[in-house]
Protein backbone atom coordinates (compact mmCIF):
# COMPACT_ATOMS: atom_id res chain seq x y z
CA MET A 1 100.80 67.36 126.19
CA HIS A 2 98.92 70.61 126.65
CA ALA A 3 95.82 70.91 124.47
CA GLY A 4 96.91 74.34 123.19
CA ILE A 5 100.25 73.12 121.87
CA VAL A 6 100.60 70.77 118.94
CA TRP A 7 104.02 69.93 117.56
CA GLY A 8 105.55 72.86 119.43
CA VAL A 9 103.24 75.50 117.95
CA SER A 10 100.89 77.27 120.36
CA ASP A 11 97.37 78.33 119.42
CA SER A 12 98.39 81.98 119.54
CA ASP A 13 101.36 81.36 117.23
CA ARG A 14 99.11 79.56 114.78
CA ALA A 15 96.53 82.34 114.98
CA ARG A 16 99.23 84.90 114.18
CA GLU A 17 100.35 82.82 111.20
CA VAL A 18 96.80 82.50 109.90
CA PHE A 19 96.17 86.22 110.31
CA ALA A 20 99.43 87.10 108.55
CA GLU A 21 98.42 84.82 105.67
CA PHE A 22 95.00 86.46 105.58
CA ARG A 23 96.58 89.94 105.40
CA ARG A 24 98.88 88.86 102.55
CA GLY A 25 95.87 87.50 100.67
CA VAL A 26 93.90 90.69 101.22
CA ALA A 27 96.84 92.82 100.12
CA ALA A 28 97.06 90.86 96.89
CA GLN A 29 93.33 91.38 96.21
CA ILE A 30 92.90 95.08 96.97
CA SER A 31 94.09 97.78 94.61
CA PRO A 32 96.17 100.47 96.32
CA ASN A 33 93.65 103.00 94.97
CA ASP A 34 90.56 101.22 96.38
CA VAL A 35 90.08 103.57 99.32
CA ASP A 36 86.53 102.40 100.10
CA THR A 37 87.62 98.80 100.60
CA ARG A 38 90.72 99.81 102.56
CA ARG A 39 88.67 102.11 104.81
CA GLY A 40 86.18 99.29 105.39
CA LEU A 41 89.01 96.92 106.21
CA ALA A 42 90.40 99.47 108.65
CA GLU A 43 87.00 99.72 110.33
CA ALA A 44 86.81 95.92 110.60
CA TYR A 45 90.30 95.76 112.10
CA ALA A 46 89.37 98.51 114.56
CA ASP A 47 86.22 96.63 115.58
CA MET A 48 88.38 93.57 116.31
CA GLY A 49 90.75 95.66 118.42
CA LEU A 50 93.56 95.43 115.84
CA LEU A 51 94.50 99.09 116.08
CA ALA A 52 97.93 98.90 114.46
CA GLU A 53 96.47 97.14 111.43
CA ALA A 54 93.57 99.59 111.23
CA ILE A 55 95.93 102.56 111.42
CA GLU A 56 98.14 101.04 108.72
CA GLU A 57 95.17 100.70 106.36
CA LEU A 58 93.99 104.24 107.07
CA GLN A 59 97.46 105.58 106.32
CA LYS A 60 97.31 103.78 102.97
CA VAL A 61 93.93 105.41 102.28
CA LEU A 62 95.26 108.86 103.13
CA ALA A 63 98.37 108.36 100.99
CA VAL A 64 96.07 107.98 97.97
CA ALA A 65 93.22 110.24 99.10
CA PRO A 66 94.58 112.83 101.56
CA ASP A 67 91.21 114.61 101.72
CA ASP A 68 89.30 111.49 102.82
CA GLU A 69 87.55 112.95 105.86
CA ALA A 70 86.16 109.61 107.09
CA ALA A 71 89.64 108.06 107.10
CA SER A 72 91.13 111.13 108.80
CA THR A 73 88.47 111.11 111.49
CA LEU A 74 88.85 107.40 112.19
CA LEU A 75 92.64 107.70 112.24
CA ARG A 76 92.46 110.52 114.81
CA ARG A 77 90.04 108.49 116.94
CA LEU A 78 92.18 105.35 116.80
CA SER A 79 95.40 107.25 117.47
CA ASP A 80 93.93 108.38 120.78
CA LYS A 81 93.17 104.81 121.93
CA PRO A 82 95.69 102.71 123.80
CA ALA A 83 96.78 99.60 121.88
CA ARG A 84 95.37 96.31 123.06
CA ARG A 85 97.91 93.61 123.83
């Protein structure tokens, strides 16, 4: 048996499951109007190379606070980067 596969679940599959669970937990904890926390989360996602997730959070910020210059700037910067696979 390969060390990365246990009971038919690969490490990457398990990591995706854990991350999805983490995102659900975060979503349940953050108010839709908490733009500071959402912007910070977007920055953390961006630092980890999770561009799609970062962009999603920034779009949520801008839906509530369309004049948020920091979110707009980061969104423009991230939109210009190629997605990491």
